[in-house]
Amino acid sequence: MPDGWRHPPKKTEAFGERGALALNQADFNRLVEEHGAALYRMAYRMIGDQHEAEDMVQEAFRSVWKSRSRYEPERGDRAWLVSILRRRIIDRWRKRPPPKVYAEDQYPEVSVRGDDPFRDEYSDEVQAALDLLPRELRETLLLVVVGELTHQEAADLLDVPLGTVLSRVSRARVRLREYLEACAKYR
């Protein structure tokens, strides 16, 4: 065969077990439509920059399209998409780690009220408070609250026990409340 000639794709290269693309263009468009906004919110909250968050979501959807032959509809769409987005963000952090704002012992000490800081739209204050959280607390909270994964899906994605996810989410919420209350006192 002449140079540059490519054989037709083997079944394992581009086709799922059923002999058709596992994720077709219509399914891909549906995933973008149904989950794009949530993925953007999650990326923005993890990174804190609008343009980089947009880039991360685009890279995640490019990865989705490239790996469409491995799409498993019975696995939760959101969990699959969030796992891909998370890998893109981790790759970005490896190249440029997020800035460390405060040392662990420099957080303000304030009492905790019972209301959830996520009840309203996310504000710049919430973003600043999220940026103060240690990465594992912020990431776990965002997977559950913004990414809308179940606690079990987050545990599977992070490869940690369910109890660890529950604990991280609880600690992250407490710290967010503390930060936001401290911020409100200084306004």
N, C-alpha and C. Protein backbone atom coordinates (compact mmCIF):
# COMPACT_ATOMS: atom_id res chain seq x y z
N MET A 1 0.83 -1.17 0.00
CA MET A 1 0.00 0.00 0.00
C MET A 1 0.88 1.24 0.00
N PRO A 2 0.43 2.31 -0.65
CA PRO A 2 1.23 3.53 -0.69
C PRO A 2 1.36 4.16 0.70
N ASP A 3 2.46 4.93 0.90
CA ASP A 3 2.66 5.64 2.16
C ASP A 3 1.48 6.56 2.43
N GLY A 4 1.09 6.69 3.67
CA GLY A 4 -0.01 7.56 4.03
C GLY A 4 -1.38 6.90 3.92
N TRP A 5 -1.45 5.71 3.28
CA TRP A 5 -2.73 5.01 3.17
C TRP A 5 -3.08 4.42 4.52
N ARG A 6 -4.29 4.57 4.89
CA ARG A 6 -4.73 4.05 6.19
C ARG A 6 -5.78 2.99 5.95
N HIS A 7 -5.63 1.90 6.65
CA HIS A 7 -6.65 0.85 6.59
C HIS A 7 -7.93 1.36 7.20
N PRO A 8 -9.06 0.80 6.82
CA PRO A 8 -10.31 1.17 7.51
C PRO A 8 -10.16 0.87 9.00
N PRO A 9 -10.81 1.64 9.85
CA PRO A 9 -10.64 1.43 11.29
C PRO A 9 -11.08 0.04 11.70
N LYS A 10 -10.30 -0.54 12.61
CA LYS A 10 -10.68 -1.82 13.17
C LYS A 10 -11.83 -1.59 14.14
N LYS A 11 -12.56 -2.62 14.41
CA LYS A 11 -13.70 -2.51 15.31
C LYS A 11 -13.28 -1.92 16.65
N THR A 12 -12.11 -2.27 17.16
CA THR A 12 -11.68 -1.80 18.46
C THR A 12 -11.20 -0.36 18.44
N GLU A 13 -10.86 0.20 17.28
CA GLU A 13 -10.35 1.56 17.23
C GLU A 13 -11.45 2.60 17.37
N ALA A 14 -12.49 2.50 16.59
CA ALA A 14 -13.47 3.57 16.57
C ALA A 14 -14.89 3.11 16.87
N PHE A 15 -15.06 1.85 17.08
CA PHE A 15 -16.41 1.36 17.25
C PHE A 15 -16.57 0.68 18.60
N GLY A 16 -17.75 0.81 19.18
CA GLY A 16 -18.05 0.13 20.42
C GLY A 16 -18.35 -1.33 20.16
N GLU A 17 -18.73 -2.02 21.20
CA GLU A 17 -18.98 -3.45 21.07
C GLU A 17 -20.17 -3.75 20.17
N ARG A 18 -21.08 -2.81 20.04
CA ARG A 18 -22.28 -3.05 19.24
C ARG A 18 -22.06 -2.77 17.77
N GLY A 19 -20.83 -2.37 17.37
CA GLY A 19 -20.55 -2.15 15.96
C GLY A 19 -20.87 -0.74 15.49
N ALA A 20 -21.29 0.14 16.36
CA ALA A 20 -21.56 1.55 16.01
C ALA A 20 -20.78 2.43 16.96
N LEU A 21 -20.62 3.69 16.60
CA LEU A 21 -19.94 4.61 17.51
C LEU A 21 -20.66 4.60 18.85
N ALA A 22 -19.91 4.46 19.92
CA ALA A 22 -20.52 4.40 21.23
C ALA A 22 -21.13 5.75 21.62
N LEU A 23 -20.58 6.85 21.10
CA LEU A 23 -21.12 8.18 21.35
C LEU A 23 -21.18 8.89 20.01
N ASN A 24 -22.38 9.10 19.51
CA ASN A 24 -22.51 9.75 18.21
C ASN A 24 -22.61 11.27 18.39
N GLN A 25 -22.68 12.00 17.29
CA GLN A 25 -22.70 13.47 17.33
C GLN A 25 -23.92 13.99 18.10
N ALA A 26 -25.06 13.37 17.92
CA ALA A 26 -26.27 13.82 18.63
C ALA A 26 -26.12 13.63 20.14
N ASP A 27 -25.56 12.47 20.55
CA ASP A 27 -25.34 12.22 21.97
C ASP A 27 -24.32 13.22 22.55
N PHE A 28 -23.28 13.47 21.77
CA PHE A 28 -22.27 14.44 22.20
C PHE A 28 -22.90 15.82 22.40
N ASN A 29 -23.70 16.26 21.43
CA ASN A 29 -24.37 17.56 21.54
C ASN A 29 -25.28 17.60 22.76
N ARG A 30 -25.95 16.50 23.04
CA ARG A 30 -26.81 16.42 24.22
C ARG A 30 -25.99 16.58 25.50
N LEU A 31 -24.83 15.92 25.56
CA LEU A 31 -23.97 16.04 26.73
C LEU A 31 -23.52 17.49 26.94
N VAL A 32 -23.13 18.15 25.85
CA VAL A 32 -22.71 19.55 25.94
C VAL A 32 -23.86 20.40 26.45
N GLU A 33 -25.03 20.20 25.88
CA GLU A 33 -26.21 21.00 26.24
C GLU A 33 -26.62 20.77 27.70
N GLU A 34 -26.66 19.51 28.12
CA GLU A 34 -27.15 19.18 29.46
C GLU A 34 -26.13 19.46 30.56
N HIS A 35 -24.84 19.33 30.27
CA HIS A 35 -23.84 19.37 31.33
C HIS A 35 -22.81 20.49 31.18
N GLY A 36 -22.80 21.18 30.07
CA GLY A 36 -21.79 22.21 29.83
C GLY A 36 -21.76 23.30 30.89
N ALA A 37 -22.93 23.79 31.27
CA ALA A 37 -22.99 24.88 32.26
C ALA A 37 -22.46 24.42 33.62
N ALA A 38 -22.83 23.22 34.05
CA ALA A 38 -22.35 22.72 35.34
C ALA A 38 -20.85 22.48 35.30
N LEU A 39 -20.34 21.98 34.18
CA LEU A 39 -18.89 21.78 34.07
C LEU A 39 -18.16 23.11 34.12
N TYR A 40 -18.72 24.12 33.47
CA TYR A 40 -18.09 25.45 33.51
C TYR A 40 -18.07 25.98 34.94
N ARG A 41 -19.21 25.89 35.64
CA ARG A 41 -19.26 26.38 37.03
C ARG A 41 -18.22 25.67 37.88
N MET A 42 -18.10 24.37 37.68
CA MET A 42 -17.13 23.62 38.47
C MET A 42 -15.71 24.06 38.13
N ALA A 43 -15.39 24.17 36.85
CA ALA A 43 -14.05 24.58 36.43
C ALA A 43 -13.74 25.97 36.96
N TYR A 44 -14.71 26.87 36.86
CA TYR A 44 -14.48 28.23 37.34
C TYR A 44 -14.22 28.25 38.83
N ARG A 45 -14.97 27.47 39.58
CA ARG A 45 -14.77 27.45 41.03
C ARG A 45 -13.46 26.77 41.42
N MET A 46 -12.99 25.84 40.62
CA MET A 46 -11.72 25.19 40.93
C MET A 46 -10.53 26.06 40.53
N ILE A 47 -10.68 26.83 39.46
CA ILE A 47 -9.57 27.60 38.92
C ILE A 47 -9.65 29.07 39.32
N GLY A 48 -10.86 29.61 39.32
CA GLY A 48 -11.04 31.00 39.71
C GLY A 48 -10.83 32.01 38.59
N ASP A 49 -10.70 31.54 37.37
CA ASP A 49 -10.50 32.44 36.24
C ASP A 49 -11.45 32.03 35.12
N GLN A 50 -12.24 33.00 34.64
CA GLN A 50 -13.27 32.72 33.63
C GLN A 50 -12.69 32.14 32.35
N HIS A 51 -11.63 32.75 31.83
CA HIS A 51 -11.09 32.30 30.55
C HIS A 51 -10.43 30.92 30.66
N GLU A 52 -9.71 30.70 31.74
CA GLU A 52 -9.09 29.38 31.91
C GLU A 52 -10.14 28.31 32.15
N ALA A 53 -11.21 28.67 32.84
CA ALA A 53 -12.30 27.71 33.06
C ALA A 53 -12.93 27.32 31.72
N GLU A 54 -13.15 28.32 30.87
CA GLU A 54 -13.69 28.03 29.53
C GLU A 54 -12.75 27.10 28.76
N ASP A 55 -11.45 27.38 28.83
CA ASP A 55 -10.47 26.53 28.16
C ASP A 55 -10.50 25.10 28.69
N MET A 56 -10.62 24.96 30.02
CA MET A 56 -10.64 23.63 30.63
C MET A 56 -11.87 22.85 30.17
N VAL A 57 -13.01 23.52 30.09
CA VAL A 57 -14.24 22.83 29.65
C VAL A 57 -14.11 22.43 28.18
N GLN A 58 -13.56 23.31 27.36
CA GLN A 58 -13.35 22.96 25.95
C GLN A 58 -12.40 21.77 25.83
N GLU A 59 -11.31 21.79 26.60
CA GLU A 59 -10.38 20.66 26.57
C GLU A 59 -11.06 19.38 27.04
N ALA A 60 -11.90 19.50 28.05
CA ALA A 60 -12.61 18.32 28.54
C ALA A 60 -13.53 17.76 27.46
N PHE A 61 -14.27 18.62 26.78
CA PHE A 61 -15.16 18.13 25.72
C PHE A 61 -14.38 17.61 24.52
N ARG A 62 -13.20 18.16 24.25
CA ARG A 62 -12.35 17.58 23.20
C ARG A 62 -11.94 16.17 23.59
N SER A 63 -11.60 15.99 24.86
CA SER A 63 -11.24 14.65 25.35
C SER A 63 -12.43 13.70 25.27
N VAL A 64 -13.61 14.22 25.58
CA VAL A 64 -14.83 13.40 25.48
C VAL A 64 -14.99 12.90 24.06
N TRP A 65 -14.84 13.80 23.09
CA TRP A 65 -15.02 13.41 21.70
C TRP A 65 -13.94 12.41 21.28
N LYS A 66 -12.71 12.64 21.71
CA LYS A 66 -11.62 11.72 21.35
C LYS A 66 -11.84 10.34 21.96
N SER A 67 -12.42 10.29 23.14
CA SER A 67 -12.62 9.00 23.81
C SER A 67 -14.04 8.49 23.67
N ARG A 68 -14.75 8.95 22.65
CA ARG A 68 -16.16 8.59 22.48
C ARG A 68 -16.37 7.09 22.30
N SER A 69 -15.36 6.37 21.85
CA SER A 69 -15.53 4.93 21.67
C SER A 69 -15.60 4.21 23.02
N ARG A 70 -15.15 4.88 24.08
CA ARG A 70 -15.19 4.27 25.42
C ARG A 70 -16.40 4.73 26.23
N TYR A 71 -17.28 5.47 25.61
CA TYR A 71 -18.46 5.99 26.31
C TYR A 71 -19.33 4.82 26.77
N GLU A 72 -19.74 4.88 28.02
CA GLU A 72 -20.60 3.86 28.59
C GLU A 72 -21.87 4.52 29.09
N PRO A 73 -22.96 4.45 28.31
CA PRO A 73 -24.18 5.16 28.69
C PRO A 73 -24.74 4.74 30.05
N GLU A 74 -24.47 3.51 30.47
CA GLU A 74 -25.01 3.06 31.76
C GLU A 74 -24.26 3.70 32.93
N ARG A 75 -23.05 4.18 32.72
CA ARG A 75 -22.32 4.93 33.74
C ARG A 75 -22.88 6.35 33.73
N GLY A 76 -22.96 7.00 34.83
CA GLY A 76 -23.54 8.34 34.89
C GLY A 76 -22.78 9.33 33.99
N ASP A 77 -23.52 10.03 33.13
CA ASP A 77 -22.90 11.00 32.23
C ASP A 77 -22.13 12.05 33.00
N ARG A 78 -22.75 12.62 34.03
CA ARG A 78 -22.10 13.70 34.78
C ARG A 78 -20.82 13.20 35.43
N ALA A 79 -20.84 12.01 36.01
CA ALA A 79 -19.64 11.48 36.66
C ALA A 79 -18.52 11.29 35.64
N TRP A 80 -18.84 10.80 34.47
CA TRP A 80 -17.84 10.60 33.42
C TRP A 80 -17.26 11.93 32.97
N LEU A 81 -18.13 12.91 32.73
CA LEU A 81 -17.68 14.22 32.27
C LEU A 81 -16.85 14.93 33.34
N VAL A 82 -17.28 14.86 34.58
CA VAL A 82 -16.54 15.51 35.66
C VAL A 82 -15.18 14.86 35.83
N SER A 83 -15.10 13.55 35.68
CA SER A 83 -13.79 12.89 35.82
C SER A 83 -12.83 13.36 34.73
N ILE A 84 -13.33 13.57 33.54
CA ILE A 84 -12.49 14.07 32.45
C ILE A 84 -12.08 15.52 32.72
N LEU A 85 -13.03 16.35 33.14
CA LEU A 85 -12.71 17.74 33.47
C LEU A 85 -11.69 17.81 34.59
N ARG A 86 -11.88 17.00 35.59
CA ARG A 86 -10.95 16.99 36.74
C ARG A 86 -9.53 16.65 36.29
N ARG A 87 -9.39 15.69 35.39
CA ARG A 87 -8.04 15.34 34.89
C ARG A 87 -7.43 16.51 34.13
N ARG A 88 -8.23 17.22 33.35
CA ARG A 88 -7.71 18.40 32.62
C ARG A 88 -7.23 19.47 33.61
N ILE A 89 -7.99 19.69 34.67
CA ILE A 89 -7.63 20.70 35.66
C ILE A 89 -6.38 20.28 36.43
N ILE A 90 -6.29 19.02 36.79
CA ILE A 90 -5.10 18.53 37.48
C ILE A 90 -3.87 18.69 36.58
N ASP A 91 -4.02 18.38 35.30
CA ASP A 91 -2.91 18.60 34.36
C ASP A 91 -2.49 20.05 34.35
N ARG A 92 -3.45 20.96 34.37
CA ARG A 92 -3.15 22.40 34.40
C ARG A 92 -2.42 22.75 35.68
N TRP A 93 -2.88 22.22 36.83
CA TRP A 93 -2.23 22.51 38.11
C TRP A 93 -0.80 21.99 38.14
N ARG A 94 -0.55 20.90 37.46
CA ARG A 94 0.83 20.39 37.42
C ARG A 94 1.76 21.37 36.70
N LYS A 95 1.22 22.01 35.66
CA LYS A 95 2.01 23.00 34.91
C LYS A 95 2.13 24.31 35.68
N ARG A 96 1.01 24.75 36.28
CA ARG A 96 0.95 26.01 37.02
C ARG A 96 0.10 25.80 38.26
N PRO A 97 0.73 25.50 39.40
CA PRO A 97 -0.05 25.27 40.62
C PRO A 97 -0.82 26.53 41.02
N PRO A 98 -2.01 26.34 41.61
CA PRO A 98 -2.75 27.51 42.08
C PRO A 98 -1.98 28.18 43.21
N PRO A 99 -2.10 29.51 43.34
CA PRO A 99 -1.35 30.19 44.40
C PRO A 99 -1.85 29.80 45.77
N LYS A 100 -0.95 29.68 46.73
CA LYS A 100 -1.31 29.40 48.12
C LYS A 100 -1.53 30.74 48.79
N VAL A 101 -2.73 31.00 49.27
CA VAL A 101 -3.07 32.31 49.80
C VAL A 101 -2.68 32.43 51.27
N TYR A 102 -3.09 31.48 52.10
CA TYR A 102 -2.83 31.54 53.52
C TYR A 102 -2.30 30.20 54.01
N ALA A 103 -1.52 30.26 55.06
CA ALA A 103 -1.10 29.03 55.73
C ALA A 103 -2.29 28.49 56.51
N GLU A 104 -2.29 27.23 56.80
CA GLU A 104 -3.41 26.57 57.48
C GLU A 104 -3.78 27.25 58.80
N ASP A 105 -2.80 27.73 59.56
CA ASP A 105 -3.08 28.30 60.87
C ASP A 105 -3.46 29.79 60.81
N GLN A 106 -3.59 30.38 59.65
CA GLN A 106 -3.91 31.80 59.53
C GLN A 106 -5.39 32.05 59.25
N TYR A 107 -6.23 31.05 59.27
CA TYR A 107 -7.64 31.25 58.99
C TYR A 107 -8.31 31.90 60.19
N PRO A 108 -9.27 32.79 59.93
CA PRO A 108 -9.95 33.45 61.05
C PRO A 108 -10.81 32.46 61.83
N GLU A 109 -10.89 32.66 63.11
CA GLU A 109 -11.71 31.82 63.97
C GLU A 109 -13.03 32.54 64.22
N VAL A 110 -14.13 31.98 63.75
CA VAL A 110 -15.46 32.55 63.98
C VAL A 110 -16.45 31.42 64.20
N SER A 111 -17.59 31.76 64.79
CA SER A 111 -18.60 30.73 65.02
C SER A 111 -19.30 30.37 63.72
N VAL A 112 -19.99 29.25 63.72
CA VAL A 112 -20.63 28.74 62.52
C VAL A 112 -22.15 28.83 62.65
N ARG A 113 -22.79 29.42 61.64
CA ARG A 113 -24.26 29.41 61.57
C ARG A 113 -24.69 28.25 60.71
N GLY A 114 -25.96 27.97 60.70
CA GLY A 114 -26.45 26.80 59.98
C GLY A 114 -26.78 26.99 58.53
N ASP A 115 -26.77 28.23 58.00
CA ASP A 115 -27.17 28.35 56.60
C ASP A 115 -26.05 28.01 55.64
N ASP A 116 -26.46 27.52 54.51
CA ASP A 116 -25.54 27.02 53.48
C ASP A 116 -25.05 28.17 52.61
N PRO A 117 -23.72 28.35 52.47
CA PRO A 117 -23.22 29.44 51.65
C PRO A 117 -23.54 29.27 50.17
N PHE A 118 -24.01 28.11 49.76
CA PHE A 118 -24.31 27.88 48.35
C PHE A 118 -25.78 28.10 48.01
N ARG A 119 -26.55 28.64 48.96
CA ARG A 119 -27.99 28.79 48.71
C ARG A 119 -28.27 29.84 47.63
N ASP A 120 -27.41 30.85 47.48
CA ASP A 120 -27.59 31.88 46.47
C ASP A 120 -26.56 31.68 45.37
N GLU A 121 -26.58 32.59 44.41
CA GLU A 121 -25.58 32.56 43.34
C GLU A 121 -24.19 32.66 43.94
N TYR A 122 -23.23 32.16 43.23
CA TYR A 122 -21.85 32.28 43.67
C TYR A 122 -21.37 33.70 43.45
N SER A 123 -20.78 34.29 44.46
CA SER A 123 -20.27 35.65 44.36
C SER A 123 -18.74 35.62 44.36
N ASP A 124 -18.16 36.79 44.16
CA ASP A 124 -16.70 36.89 44.27
C ASP A 124 -16.24 36.52 45.67
N GLU A 125 -17.06 36.85 46.66
CA GLU A 125 -16.71 36.50 48.04
C GLU A 125 -16.67 34.98 48.22
N VAL A 126 -17.64 34.30 47.63
CA VAL A 126 -17.65 32.84 47.71
C VAL A 126 -16.43 32.28 47.00
N GLN A 127 -16.09 32.84 45.83
CA GLN A 127 -14.92 32.36 45.11
C GLN A 127 -13.65 32.57 45.94
N ALA A 128 -13.54 33.74 46.57
CA ALA A 128 -12.37 34.01 47.41
C ALA A 128 -12.31 33.03 48.58
N ALA A 129 -13.47 32.73 49.16
CA ALA A 129 -13.52 31.76 50.26
C ALA A 129 -13.14 30.37 49.78
N LEU A 130 -13.63 29.99 48.59
CA LEU A 130 -13.26 28.69 48.02
C LEU A 130 -11.75 28.61 47.80
N ASP A 131 -11.16 29.70 47.35
CA ASP A 131 -9.72 29.73 47.11
C ASP A 131 -8.91 29.53 48.39
N LEU A 132 -9.50 29.82 49.54
CA LEU A 132 -8.82 29.64 50.82
C LEU A 132 -8.83 28.19 51.30
N LEU A 133 -9.76 27.41 50.77
CA LEU A 133 -9.86 26.01 51.19
C LEU A 133 -8.67 25.20 50.68
N PRO A 134 -8.21 24.24 51.47
CA PRO A 134 -7.21 23.30 50.94
C PRO A 134 -7.78 22.61 49.71
N ARG A 135 -6.92 22.28 48.76
CA ARG A 135 -7.37 21.74 47.47
C ARG A 135 -8.28 20.54 47.60
N GLU A 136 -7.96 19.59 48.49
CA GLU A 136 -8.79 18.37 48.57
C GLU A 136 -10.19 18.69 49.13
N LEU A 137 -10.30 19.65 50.03
CA LEU A 137 -11.63 20.03 50.51
C LEU A 137 -12.42 20.76 49.42
N ARG A 138 -11.76 21.71 48.75
CA ARG A 138 -12.43 22.47 47.69
C ARG A 138 -12.89 21.54 46.57
N GLU A 139 -12.00 20.66 46.14
CA GLU A 139 -12.33 19.76 45.03
C GLU A 139 -13.50 18.85 45.39
N THR A 140 -13.47 18.27 46.58
CA THR A 140 -14.53 17.35 46.99
C THR A 140 -15.87 18.09 47.09
N LEU A 141 -15.86 19.27 47.70
CA LEU A 141 -17.08 20.06 47.81
C LEU A 141 -17.63 20.42 46.44
N LEU A 142 -16.76 20.83 45.53
CA LEU A 142 -17.22 21.21 44.19
C LEU A 142 -17.77 20.03 43.41
N LEU A 143 -17.17 18.86 43.58
CA LEU A 143 -17.70 17.67 42.89
C LEU A 143 -19.13 17.39 43.32
N VAL A 144 -19.39 17.54 44.62
CA VAL A 144 -20.72 17.22 45.14
C VAL A 144 -21.71 18.35 44.92
N VAL A 145 -21.31 19.59 45.21
CA VAL A 145 -22.25 20.71 45.17
C VAL A 145 -22.41 21.26 43.76
N VAL A 146 -21.31 21.56 43.10
CA VAL A 146 -21.39 22.17 41.78
C VAL A 146 -21.49 21.10 40.69
N GLY A 147 -20.67 20.06 40.81
CA GLY A 147 -20.69 18.99 39.83
C GLY A 147 -21.91 18.09 39.96
N GLU A 148 -22.62 18.21 41.08
CA GLU A 148 -23.84 17.45 41.34
C GLU A 148 -23.63 15.94 41.29
N LEU A 149 -22.44 15.50 41.71
CA LEU A 149 -22.20 14.06 41.83
C LEU A 149 -22.74 13.59 43.17
N THR A 150 -23.11 12.34 43.23
CA THR A 150 -23.47 11.78 44.53
C THR A 150 -22.18 11.65 45.33
N HIS A 151 -22.32 11.49 46.64
CA HIS A 151 -21.13 11.31 47.47
C HIS A 151 -20.36 10.06 47.04
N GLN A 152 -21.09 9.02 46.68
CA GLN A 152 -20.44 7.79 46.23
C GLN A 152 -19.70 8.00 44.91
N GLU A 153 -20.30 8.72 43.97
CA GLU A 153 -19.62 9.01 42.70
C GLU A 153 -18.34 9.81 42.94
N ALA A 154 -18.41 10.78 43.85
CA ALA A 154 -17.22 11.57 44.18
C ALA A 154 -16.16 10.68 44.82
N ALA A 155 -16.57 9.79 45.70
CA ALA A 155 -15.62 8.87 46.34
C ALA A 155 -14.94 7.98 45.29
N ASP A 156 -15.73 7.47 44.36
CA ASP A 156 -15.17 6.63 43.30
C ASP A 156 -14.19 7.42 42.43
N LEU A 157 -14.57 8.64 42.09
CA LEU A 157 -13.73 9.48 41.24
C LEU A 157 -12.42 9.83 41.93
N LEU A 158 -12.50 10.17 43.21
CA LEU A 158 -11.30 10.57 43.96
C LEU A 158 -10.52 9.37 44.50
N ASP A 159 -11.10 8.19 44.37
CA ASP A 159 -10.50 6.95 44.87
C ASP A 159 -10.22 7.03 46.37
N VAL A 160 -11.26 7.50 47.10
CA VAL A 160 -11.20 7.57 48.56
C VAL A 160 -12.47 6.94 49.11
N PRO A 161 -12.46 6.56 50.39
CA PRO A 161 -13.67 5.99 50.98
C PRO A 161 -14.81 7.01 51.04
N LEU A 162 -16.03 6.52 51.06
CA LEU A 162 -17.21 7.37 51.13
C LEU A 162 -17.15 8.26 52.37
N GLY A 163 -16.73 7.73 53.49
CA GLY A 163 -16.64 8.52 54.73
C GLY A 163 -15.69 9.71 54.58
N THR A 164 -14.64 9.55 53.80
CA THR A 164 -13.71 10.65 53.57
C THR A 164 -14.39 11.77 52.80
N VAL A 165 -15.18 11.41 51.81
CA VAL A 165 -15.92 12.42 51.04
C VAL A 165 -16.91 13.14 51.96
N LEU A 166 -17.66 12.40 52.75
CA LEU A 166 -18.63 13.02 53.65
C LEU A 166 -17.93 13.97 54.62
N SER A 167 -16.81 13.56 55.15
CA SER A 167 -16.05 14.39 56.08
C SER A 167 -15.50 15.64 55.41
N ARG A 168 -14.94 15.47 54.20
CA ARG A 168 -14.39 16.63 53.49
C ARG A 168 -15.46 17.65 53.15
N VAL A 169 -16.61 17.17 52.69
CA VAL A 169 -17.70 18.09 52.34
C VAL A 169 -18.16 18.84 53.59
N SER A 170 -18.30 18.14 54.69
CA SER A 170 -18.72 18.78 55.93
C SER A 170 -17.70 19.82 56.39
N ARG A 171 -16.43 19.47 56.40
CA ARG A 171 -15.38 20.41 56.83
C ARG A 171 -15.30 21.60 55.88
N ALA A 172 -15.47 21.36 54.58
CA ALA A 172 -15.41 22.46 53.61
C ALA A 172 -16.56 23.43 53.84
N ARG A 173 -17.75 22.92 54.09
CA ARG A 173 -18.90 23.80 54.35
C ARG A 173 -18.69 24.63 55.61
N VAL A 174 -18.17 24.01 56.65
CA VAL A 174 -17.90 24.74 57.90
C VAL A 174 -16.89 25.85 57.65
N ARG A 175 -15.82 25.53 56.99
CA ARG A 175 -14.79 26.55 56.72
C ARG A 175 -15.31 27.66 55.82
N LEU A 176 -16.10 27.32 54.81
CA LEU A 176 -16.68 28.35 53.95
C LEU A 176 -17.54 29.30 54.76
N ARG A 177 -18.37 28.75 55.63
CA ARG A 177 -19.20 29.61 56.48
C ARG A 177 -18.33 30.53 57.33
N GLU A 178 -17.27 29.98 57.90
CA GLU A 178 -16.36 30.79 58.73
C GLU A 178 -15.75 31.93 57.90
N TYR A 179 -15.26 31.62 56.73
CA TYR A 179 -14.63 32.63 55.89
C TYR A 179 -15.62 33.72 55.49
N LEU A 180 -16.83 33.29 55.11
CA LEU A 180 -17.83 34.25 54.67
C LEU A 180 -18.32 35.12 55.81
N GLU A 181 -18.46 34.54 56.99
CA GLU A 181 -18.85 35.34 58.14
C GLU A 181 -17.76 36.33 58.53
N ALA A 182 -16.51 35.89 58.46
CA ALA A 182 -15.39 36.79 58.76
C ALA A 182 -15.35 37.92 57.74
N CYS A 183 -15.58 37.61 56.50
CA CYS A 183 -15.60 38.62 55.43
C CYS A 183 -16.72 39.62 55.66
N ALA A 184 -17.90 39.13 56.08
CA ALA A 184 -19.05 40.00 56.32
C ALA A 184 -18.79 40.95 57.48
N LYS A 185 -18.02 40.52 58.48
CA LYS A 185 -17.71 41.38 59.64
C LYS A 185 -16.86 42.57 59.23
N TYR A 186 -16.04 42.39 58.20
CA TYR A 186 -15.10 43.44 57.81
C TYR A 186 -15.64 44.35 56.73
N ARG A 187 -16.89 44.16 56.33
CA ARG A 187 -17.48 45.04 55.30
C ARG A 187 -17.97 46.29 55.91
